[in-house]
Amino acid sequence: MRQVRRFGGLWFLAALVGATNAGAANDTPAERARTRDAPAERRADDAGAAAEQRAGWIVLPVVSYAPETSLQLGGFLMHYFRLDAGSHPTTLSALASATLKRQVIVELLPVLNFAHNDYRLEAHLEVQRYPDRFFGVGNAVRDEDAEEYERRFVRLRTN
């Protein structure tokens, strides 16, 4: 369970990077020059239209180490766009990682905003194959008392 909690920080990091990156997605030097030289009214209209059309991708590597899991490698991918003009961005996110101890976690997190923000659909699909060891309860356990087991599950949550 400790491994799953660690991913919560990654989602926060990805959302933070996405929020800071979203404003620069389609901002080129030519667009900045055109905006700077345009009348104020047209600049406001262009800025609103550009904000409605922004879409992009965020890709981040996932690297971590813990004694229980060994080295963990993976990646995070997010695509953000707007389904309707004036609605909040829709995001399609995926996270996949594997450890040197053959532990695998894959998560898909779509967040859909549509009908001018009247409706929002969130889902979380998680698939895990997670071999681990159980040492017993208490402080007086030995390494040779370890019992090997493997968690396998698929979970879908919607909101």
N, C-alpha and C. Protein backbone atom coordinates (compact mmCIF):
# COMPACT_ATOMS: atom_id res chain seq x y z
N MET A 1 0.82 -1.20 0.00
CA MET A 1 0.00 0.00 0.00
C MET A 1 0.86 1.26 0.00
N ARG A 2 2.05 1.16 0.59
CA ARG A 2 2.95 2.30 0.62
C ARG A 2 3.30 2.74 -0.81
N GLN A 3 3.46 1.77 -1.71
CA GLN A 3 3.81 2.09 -3.11
C GLN A 3 2.71 2.89 -3.79
N VAL A 4 1.45 2.54 -3.55
CA VAL A 4 0.34 3.23 -4.18
C VAL A 4 0.27 4.67 -3.69
N ARG A 5 0.51 4.91 -2.41
CA ARG A 5 0.46 6.26 -1.87
C ARG A 5 1.52 7.16 -2.50
N ARG A 6 2.67 6.58 -2.85
CA ARG A 6 3.74 7.37 -3.44
C ARG A 6 3.29 7.99 -4.76
N PHE A 7 2.40 7.33 -5.49
CA PHE A 7 1.94 7.85 -6.77
C PHE A 7 1.09 9.09 -6.61
N GLY A 8 0.44 9.27 -5.46
CA GLY A 8 -0.38 10.47 -5.24
C GLY A 8 0.44 11.74 -5.43
N GLY A 9 1.67 11.73 -4.96
CA GLY A 9 2.55 12.88 -5.15
C GLY A 9 2.89 13.10 -6.60
N LEU A 10 3.01 12.02 -7.37
CA LEU A 10 3.31 12.15 -8.79
C LEU A 10 2.15 12.80 -9.53
N TRP A 11 0.92 12.45 -9.17
CA TRP A 11 -0.23 13.07 -9.83
C TRP A 11 -0.27 14.56 -9.51
N PHE A 12 0.05 14.93 -8.27
CA PHE A 12 0.08 16.34 -7.91
C PHE A 12 1.16 17.06 -8.71
N LEU A 13 2.34 16.44 -8.83
CA LEU A 13 3.42 17.04 -9.61
C LEU A 13 3.01 17.21 -11.06
N ALA A 14 2.38 16.20 -11.64
CA ALA A 14 1.95 16.28 -13.03
C ALA A 14 0.90 17.37 -13.23
N ALA A 15 -0.02 17.49 -12.29
CA ALA A 15 -1.04 18.55 -12.40
C ALA A 15 -0.39 19.92 -12.30
N LEU A 16 0.60 20.05 -11.42
CA LEU A 16 1.29 21.32 -11.28
C LEU A 16 2.05 21.67 -12.55
N VAL A 17 2.76 20.70 -13.13
CA VAL A 17 3.49 20.94 -14.38
C VAL A 17 2.51 21.27 -15.49
N GLY A 18 1.38 20.57 -15.55
CA GLY A 18 0.39 20.85 -16.57
C GLY A 18 -0.19 22.25 -16.44
N ALA A 19 -0.42 22.70 -15.22
CA ALA A 19 -0.98 24.04 -15.02
C ALA A 19 0.02 25.11 -15.42
N THR A 20 1.30 24.89 -15.16
CA THR A 20 2.29 25.89 -15.53
C THR A 20 2.63 25.82 -17.01
N ASN A 21 2.47 24.66 -17.63
CA ASN A 21 2.81 24.49 -19.04
C ASN A 21 1.65 24.87 -19.96
N ALA A 22 0.42 24.87 -19.47
CA ALA A 22 -0.75 25.09 -20.32
C ALA A 22 -0.75 26.47 -20.97
N GLY A 23 -0.26 27.48 -20.30
CA GLY A 23 -0.27 28.82 -20.87
C GLY A 23 0.70 29.00 -22.01
N ALA A 24 1.73 28.17 -22.10
CA ALA A 24 2.75 28.35 -23.12
C ALA A 24 2.62 27.35 -24.25
N ALA A 25 1.53 26.60 -24.31
CA ALA A 25 1.41 25.53 -25.28
C ALA A 25 1.48 26.01 -26.72
N ASN A 26 0.83 27.11 -27.06
CA ASN A 26 0.80 27.58 -28.44
C ASN A 26 1.37 28.98 -28.58
N ASP A 27 2.22 29.39 -27.67
CA ASP A 27 2.75 30.74 -27.66
C ASP A 27 4.07 30.77 -28.43
N THR A 28 4.05 31.26 -29.67
CA THR A 28 5.24 31.36 -30.50
C THR A 28 5.67 32.82 -30.58
N PRO A 29 6.92 33.09 -30.99
CA PRO A 29 7.36 34.49 -31.12
C PRO A 29 6.49 35.29 -32.09
N ALA A 30 6.04 34.67 -33.19
CA ALA A 30 5.19 35.38 -34.16
C ALA A 30 3.86 35.77 -33.52
N GLU A 31 3.27 34.87 -32.71
CA GLU A 31 2.00 35.17 -32.04
C GLU A 31 2.19 36.29 -31.02
N ARG A 32 3.31 36.29 -30.30
CA ARG A 32 3.56 37.35 -29.32
C ARG A 32 3.71 38.70 -30.01
N ALA A 33 4.42 38.73 -31.14
CA ALA A 33 4.60 39.99 -31.87
C ALA A 33 3.27 40.49 -32.42
N ARG A 34 2.45 39.58 -32.97
CA ARG A 34 1.14 39.97 -33.53
C ARG A 34 0.25 40.50 -32.41
N THR A 35 0.26 39.87 -31.26
CA THR A 35 -0.56 40.30 -30.13
C THR A 35 -0.10 41.65 -29.60
N ARG A 36 1.20 41.85 -29.52
CA ARG A 36 1.74 43.10 -28.99
C ARG A 36 1.36 44.29 -29.87
N ASP A 37 1.34 44.11 -31.20
CA ASP A 37 1.07 45.20 -32.13
C ASP A 37 -0.41 45.40 -32.43
N ALA A 38 -1.29 44.53 -31.99
CA ALA A 38 -2.72 44.62 -32.30
C ALA A 38 -3.41 45.59 -31.34
N PRO A 39 -4.56 46.15 -31.76
CA PRO A 39 -5.34 46.99 -30.84
C PRO A 39 -5.80 46.19 -29.62
N ALA A 40 -6.07 46.87 -28.52
CA ALA A 40 -6.40 46.22 -27.26
C ALA A 40 -7.63 45.34 -27.36
N GLU A 41 -8.69 45.78 -28.08
CA GLU A 41 -9.90 44.97 -28.21
C GLU A 41 -9.60 43.66 -28.91
N ARG A 42 -8.85 43.74 -30.01
CA ARG A 42 -8.54 42.54 -30.76
C ARG A 42 -7.63 41.61 -29.95
N ARG A 43 -6.73 42.18 -29.17
CA ARG A 43 -5.86 41.35 -28.33
C ARG A 43 -6.69 40.55 -27.34
N ALA A 44 -7.70 41.16 -26.73
CA ALA A 44 -8.55 40.45 -25.77
C ALA A 44 -9.32 39.33 -26.45
N ASP A 45 -9.86 39.60 -27.65
CA ASP A 45 -10.59 38.56 -28.39
C ASP A 45 -9.67 37.42 -28.79
N ASP A 46 -8.47 37.75 -29.29
CA ASP A 46 -7.52 36.72 -29.69
C ASP A 46 -7.07 35.88 -28.50
N ALA A 47 -6.85 36.52 -27.36
CA ALA A 47 -6.41 35.80 -26.17
C ALA A 47 -7.49 34.82 -25.72
N GLY A 48 -8.74 35.24 -25.75
CA GLY A 48 -9.84 34.34 -25.37
C GLY A 48 -9.96 33.18 -26.33
N ALA A 49 -9.84 33.44 -27.64
CA ALA A 49 -9.93 32.37 -28.63
C ALA A 49 -8.76 31.41 -28.50
N ALA A 50 -7.56 31.93 -28.26
CA ALA A 50 -6.39 31.07 -28.12
C ALA A 50 -6.52 30.19 -26.88
N ALA A 51 -7.05 30.75 -25.79
CA ALA A 51 -7.21 29.96 -24.57
C ALA A 51 -8.19 28.82 -24.79
N GLU A 52 -9.20 29.04 -25.61
CA GLU A 52 -10.18 27.99 -25.87
C GLU A 52 -9.60 26.86 -26.71
N GLN A 53 -8.60 27.15 -27.55
CA GLN A 53 -8.07 26.16 -28.47
C GLN A 53 -6.86 25.40 -27.93
N ARG A 54 -6.32 25.78 -26.79
CA ARG A 54 -5.09 25.16 -26.31
C ARG A 54 -5.28 23.68 -26.00
N ALA A 55 -4.34 22.93 -26.46
CA ALA A 55 -4.28 21.50 -26.17
C ALA A 55 -2.81 21.13 -26.14
N GLY A 56 -2.49 20.07 -25.48
CA GLY A 56 -1.09 19.67 -25.45
C GLY A 56 -0.87 18.37 -24.73
N TRP A 57 0.38 18.02 -24.62
CA TRP A 57 0.81 16.78 -24.00
C TRP A 57 1.82 17.08 -22.90
N ILE A 58 1.81 16.26 -21.88
CA ILE A 58 2.81 16.32 -20.82
C ILE A 58 3.35 14.89 -20.67
N VAL A 59 4.66 14.76 -20.71
CA VAL A 59 5.31 13.46 -20.55
C VAL A 59 6.38 13.62 -19.48
N LEU A 60 6.33 12.75 -18.46
CA LEU A 60 7.30 12.81 -17.38
C LEU A 60 7.83 11.41 -17.09
N PRO A 61 9.11 11.29 -16.80
CA PRO A 61 9.64 9.99 -16.38
C PRO A 61 9.31 9.74 -14.91
N VAL A 62 9.23 8.49 -14.55
CA VAL A 62 9.02 8.10 -13.16
C VAL A 62 10.20 7.24 -12.75
N VAL A 63 10.94 7.70 -11.76
CA VAL A 63 12.10 6.96 -11.24
C VAL A 63 12.06 7.08 -9.72
N SER A 64 12.14 5.93 -9.05
CA SER A 64 12.19 5.97 -7.59
C SER A 64 12.91 4.73 -7.08
N TYR A 65 13.25 4.77 -5.82
CA TYR A 65 13.89 3.62 -5.19
C TYR A 65 13.37 3.50 -3.76
N ALA A 66 13.10 2.29 -3.36
CA ALA A 66 12.75 1.98 -1.98
C ALA A 66 13.27 0.57 -1.70
N PRO A 67 13.69 0.29 -0.48
CA PRO A 67 14.20 -1.05 -0.17
C PRO A 67 13.17 -2.15 -0.46
N GLU A 68 11.88 -1.84 -0.26
CA GLU A 68 10.84 -2.86 -0.47
C GLU A 68 10.62 -3.17 -1.96
N THR A 69 10.85 -2.17 -2.83
CA THR A 69 10.53 -2.35 -4.25
C THR A 69 11.75 -2.39 -5.15
N SER A 70 12.90 -1.96 -4.66
CA SER A 70 14.11 -1.80 -5.45
C SER A 70 13.92 -0.62 -6.40
N LEU A 71 14.57 -0.63 -7.54
CA LEU A 71 14.47 0.46 -8.49
C LEU A 71 13.13 0.39 -9.24
N GLN A 72 12.46 1.51 -9.35
CA GLN A 72 11.19 1.59 -10.06
C GLN A 72 11.35 2.55 -11.23
N LEU A 73 10.94 2.12 -12.42
CA LEU A 73 11.01 2.94 -13.63
C LEU A 73 9.64 2.95 -14.29
N GLY A 74 9.31 4.06 -14.90
CA GLY A 74 8.03 4.15 -15.60
C GLY A 74 7.87 5.51 -16.23
N GLY A 75 6.63 5.84 -16.55
CA GLY A 75 6.36 7.12 -17.18
C GLY A 75 4.94 7.58 -16.92
N PHE A 76 4.78 8.89 -17.04
CA PHE A 76 3.48 9.54 -16.89
C PHE A 76 3.18 10.27 -18.19
N LEU A 77 1.96 10.15 -18.68
CA LEU A 77 1.55 10.79 -19.92
C LEU A 77 0.19 11.45 -19.69
N MET A 78 0.06 12.72 -20.12
CA MET A 78 -1.22 13.42 -20.00
C MET A 78 -1.48 14.20 -21.28
N HIS A 79 -2.71 14.08 -21.78
CA HIS A 79 -3.17 14.90 -22.91
C HIS A 79 -4.30 15.78 -22.38
N TYR A 80 -4.19 17.09 -22.61
CA TYR A 80 -5.24 18.01 -22.16
C TYR A 80 -5.78 18.77 -23.35
N PHE A 81 -7.09 19.00 -23.32
CA PHE A 81 -7.79 19.69 -24.41
C PHE A 81 -9.16 20.10 -23.89
N ARG A 82 -9.92 20.84 -24.70
CA ARG A 82 -11.27 21.26 -24.33
C ARG A 82 -12.27 20.59 -25.25
N LEU A 83 -13.30 19.98 -24.68
CA LEU A 83 -14.36 19.36 -25.48
C LEU A 83 -15.33 20.40 -26.01
N ASP A 84 -15.61 21.44 -25.21
CA ASP A 84 -16.52 22.52 -25.59
C ASP A 84 -15.83 23.86 -25.38
N ALA A 85 -16.15 24.83 -26.22
CA ALA A 85 -15.63 26.17 -26.00
C ALA A 85 -16.17 26.69 -24.67
N GLY A 86 -15.30 27.23 -23.85
CA GLY A 86 -15.72 27.78 -22.57
C GLY A 86 -15.75 26.77 -21.44
N SER A 87 -15.48 25.50 -21.71
CA SER A 87 -15.49 24.51 -20.63
C SER A 87 -14.09 24.35 -20.06
N HIS A 88 -14.02 23.73 -18.90
CA HIS A 88 -12.74 23.43 -18.28
C HIS A 88 -12.00 22.41 -19.14
N PRO A 89 -10.69 22.35 -19.04
CA PRO A 89 -9.94 21.37 -19.84
C PRO A 89 -10.30 19.94 -19.46
N THR A 90 -10.29 19.08 -20.45
CA THR A 90 -10.43 17.65 -20.26
C THR A 90 -9.03 17.06 -20.24
N THR A 91 -8.78 16.09 -19.36
CA THR A 91 -7.46 15.48 -19.30
C THR A 91 -7.60 13.96 -19.40
N LEU A 92 -6.69 13.38 -20.14
CA LEU A 92 -6.56 11.93 -20.24
C LEU A 92 -5.15 11.60 -19.76
N SER A 93 -5.05 10.93 -18.62
CA SER A 93 -3.75 10.67 -18.00
C SER A 93 -3.50 9.19 -17.87
N ALA A 94 -2.23 8.82 -17.95
CA ALA A 94 -1.83 7.43 -17.77
C ALA A 94 -0.50 7.40 -17.02
N LEU A 95 -0.37 6.42 -16.14
CA LEU A 95 0.86 6.21 -15.40
C LEU A 95 1.16 4.72 -15.43
N ALA A 96 2.37 4.37 -15.80
CA ALA A 96 2.77 2.97 -15.81
C ALA A 96 4.15 2.89 -15.18
N SER A 97 4.35 1.88 -14.33
CA SER A 97 5.67 1.70 -13.72
C SER A 97 5.88 0.22 -13.41
N ALA A 98 7.16 -0.14 -13.35
CA ALA A 98 7.55 -1.50 -13.00
C ALA A 98 8.82 -1.42 -12.17
N THR A 99 8.97 -2.38 -11.27
CA THR A 99 10.15 -2.42 -10.41
C THR A 99 11.03 -3.60 -10.80
N LEU A 100 12.25 -3.60 -10.29
CA LEU A 100 13.15 -4.72 -10.54
C LEU A 100 12.69 -6.00 -9.84
N LYS A 101 11.73 -5.87 -8.93
CA LYS A 101 11.16 -7.04 -8.27
C LYS A 101 9.87 -7.50 -8.95
N ARG A 102 9.70 -7.11 -10.21
CA ARG A 102 8.57 -7.49 -11.08
C ARG A 102 7.21 -7.03 -10.56
N GLN A 103 7.18 -5.90 -9.91
CA GLN A 103 5.94 -5.30 -9.46
C GLN A 103 5.50 -4.31 -10.54
N VAL A 104 4.26 -4.40 -10.99
CA VAL A 104 3.78 -3.57 -12.09
C VAL A 104 2.49 -2.87 -11.67
N ILE A 105 2.42 -1.56 -11.97
CA ILE A 105 1.22 -0.78 -11.72
C ILE A 105 0.92 0.05 -12.97
N VAL A 106 -0.33 -0.01 -13.43
CA VAL A 106 -0.78 0.81 -14.55
C VAL A 106 -2.05 1.52 -14.12
N GLU A 107 -2.11 2.83 -14.33
CA GLU A 107 -3.28 3.62 -13.96
C GLU A 107 -3.71 4.50 -15.12
N LEU A 108 -5.01 4.58 -15.34
CA LEU A 108 -5.60 5.48 -16.33
C LEU A 108 -6.58 6.38 -15.60
N LEU A 109 -6.49 7.70 -15.84
CA LEU A 109 -7.34 8.67 -15.14
C LEU A 109 -7.91 9.69 -16.12
N PRO A 110 -9.02 9.38 -16.77
CA PRO A 110 -9.66 10.41 -17.60
C PRO A 110 -10.54 11.33 -16.75
N VAL A 111 -10.52 12.62 -17.08
CA VAL A 111 -11.41 13.61 -16.48
C VAL A 111 -12.03 14.38 -17.64
N LEU A 112 -13.34 14.17 -17.87
CA LEU A 112 -14.03 14.77 -19.01
C LEU A 112 -14.96 15.87 -18.53
N ASN A 113 -14.82 17.06 -19.09
CA ASN A 113 -15.70 18.19 -18.82
C ASN A 113 -16.43 18.53 -20.11
N PHE A 114 -17.77 18.48 -20.09
CA PHE A 114 -18.51 18.74 -21.32
C PHE A 114 -19.84 19.42 -21.02
N ALA A 115 -20.55 19.78 -22.08
CA ALA A 115 -21.82 20.50 -21.98
C ALA A 115 -21.63 21.81 -21.21
N HIS A 116 -20.58 22.55 -21.56
CA HIS A 116 -20.27 23.84 -20.95
C HIS A 116 -20.19 23.75 -19.43
N ASN A 117 -19.48 22.73 -18.96
CA ASN A 117 -19.23 22.48 -17.54
C ASN A 117 -20.46 22.05 -16.76
N ASP A 118 -21.54 21.67 -17.44
CA ASP A 118 -22.70 21.13 -16.72
C ASP A 118 -22.44 19.70 -16.26
N TYR A 119 -21.57 18.98 -16.96
CA TYR A 119 -21.29 17.58 -16.64
C TYR A 119 -19.79 17.36 -16.56
N ARG A 120 -19.43 16.51 -15.62
CA ARG A 120 -18.02 16.12 -15.44
C ARG A 120 -17.98 14.64 -15.12
N LEU A 121 -17.16 13.91 -15.82
CA LEU A 121 -16.99 12.48 -15.60
C LEU A 121 -15.54 12.21 -15.24
N GLU A 122 -15.33 11.57 -14.11
CA GLU A 122 -13.99 11.21 -13.67
C GLU A 122 -13.96 9.70 -13.49
N ALA A 123 -12.85 9.10 -13.84
CA ALA A 123 -12.68 7.67 -13.65
C ALA A 123 -11.25 7.40 -13.22
N HIS A 124 -11.04 6.26 -12.60
CA HIS A 124 -9.71 5.82 -12.19
C HIS A 124 -9.66 4.31 -12.38
N LEU A 125 -8.93 3.88 -13.38
CA LEU A 125 -8.74 2.46 -13.64
C LEU A 125 -7.33 2.11 -13.21
N GLU A 126 -7.22 1.12 -12.35
CA GLU A 126 -5.91 0.72 -11.82
C GLU A 126 -5.75 -0.78 -11.97
N VAL A 127 -4.62 -1.19 -12.48
CA VAL A 127 -4.29 -2.61 -12.62
C VAL A 127 -2.95 -2.82 -11.92
N GLN A 128 -2.91 -3.84 -11.03
CA GLN A 128 -1.67 -4.12 -10.29
C GLN A 128 -1.34 -5.59 -10.33
N ARG A 129 -0.07 -5.86 -10.48
CA ARG A 129 0.51 -7.19 -10.26
C ARG A 129 1.69 -6.92 -9.34
N TYR A 130 1.57 -7.33 -8.08
CA TYR A 130 2.47 -6.85 -7.07
C TYR A 130 2.96 -7.97 -6.15
N PRO A 131 4.02 -8.70 -6.54
CA PRO A 131 4.59 -9.71 -5.63
C PRO A 131 5.20 -9.02 -4.41
N ASP A 132 5.04 -9.63 -3.25
CA ASP A 132 5.55 -9.01 -2.03
C ASP A 132 5.81 -10.11 -1.00
N ARG A 133 6.28 -9.72 0.19
CA ARG A 133 6.52 -10.66 1.28
C ARG A 133 5.86 -10.16 2.55
N PHE A 134 5.35 -11.11 3.34
CA PHE A 134 4.74 -10.79 4.63
C PHE A 134 5.58 -11.46 5.70
N PHE A 135 6.00 -10.66 6.69
CA PHE A 135 6.91 -11.16 7.71
C PHE A 135 6.21 -11.50 9.02
N GLY A 136 4.94 -11.24 9.15
CA GLY A 136 4.23 -11.50 10.39
C GLY A 136 3.99 -10.21 11.14
N VAL A 137 3.45 -10.35 12.34
CA VAL A 137 3.08 -9.19 13.15
C VAL A 137 4.06 -9.08 14.31
N GLY A 138 4.46 -7.86 14.61
CA GLY A 138 5.33 -7.63 15.76
C GLY A 138 6.77 -7.38 15.35
N ASN A 139 7.61 -7.14 16.38
CA ASN A 139 9.00 -6.82 16.13
C ASN A 139 9.92 -8.03 16.17
N ALA A 140 9.45 -9.13 16.66
CA ALA A 140 10.30 -10.32 16.83
C ALA A 140 10.15 -11.28 15.65
N VAL A 141 10.22 -10.78 14.43
CA VAL A 141 10.13 -11.65 13.25
C VAL A 141 11.50 -11.75 12.61
N ARG A 142 11.73 -12.89 11.96
CA ARG A 142 13.01 -13.12 11.31
C ARG A 142 12.83 -13.10 9.79
N ASP A 143 13.91 -12.85 9.07
CA ASP A 143 13.85 -12.83 7.62
C ASP A 143 13.40 -14.17 7.05
N GLU A 144 13.80 -15.26 7.67
CA GLU A 144 13.40 -16.58 7.16
C GLU A 144 11.92 -16.89 7.40
N ASP A 145 11.22 -16.07 8.16
CA ASP A 145 9.78 -16.24 8.39
C ASP A 145 8.93 -15.62 7.28
N ALA A 146 9.57 -15.00 6.31
CA ALA A 146 8.83 -14.29 5.25
C ALA A 146 7.97 -15.26 4.43
N GLU A 147 6.76 -14.81 4.17
CA GLU A 147 5.83 -15.58 3.33
C GLU A 147 5.60 -14.79 2.04
N GLU A 148 5.85 -15.43 0.92
CA GLU A 148 5.70 -14.77 -0.38
C GLU A 148 4.23 -14.82 -0.81
N TYR A 149 3.74 -13.72 -1.36
CA TYR A 149 2.39 -13.67 -1.90
C TYR A 149 2.38 -12.66 -3.04
N GLU A 150 1.31 -12.67 -3.82
CA GLU A 150 1.20 -11.74 -4.94
C GLU A 150 -0.20 -11.14 -4.98
N ARG A 151 -0.23 -9.80 -4.96
CA ARG A 151 -1.51 -9.09 -5.11
C ARG A 151 -1.74 -8.88 -6.60
N ARG A 152 -2.92 -9.24 -7.06
CA ARG A 152 -3.34 -8.96 -8.43
C ARG A 152 -4.75 -8.43 -8.36
N PHE A 153 -4.97 -7.26 -8.95
CA PHE A 153 -6.34 -6.76 -8.99
C PHE A 153 -6.50 -5.73 -10.08
N VAL A 154 -7.76 -5.56 -10.45
CA VAL A 154 -8.19 -4.52 -11.37
C VAL A 154 -9.28 -3.75 -10.63
N ARG A 155 -9.15 -2.42 -10.59
CA ARG A 155 -10.13 -1.61 -9.87
C ARG A 155 -10.56 -0.46 -10.77
N LEU A 156 -11.87 -0.21 -10.81
CA LEU A 156 -12.42 0.91 -11.56
C LEU A 156 -13.30 1.73 -10.64
N ARG A 157 -12.99 3.01 -10.53
CA ARG A 157 -13.80 3.94 -9.75
C ARG A 157 -14.27 5.06 -10.67
N THR A 158 -15.51 5.45 -10.52
CA THR A 158 -16.05 6.56 -11.34
C THR A 158 -16.69 7.58 -10.42
N ASN A 159 -16.81 8.77 -10.94
CA ASN A 159 -17.42 9.85 -10.18
C ASN A 159 -18.14 10.75 -11.15
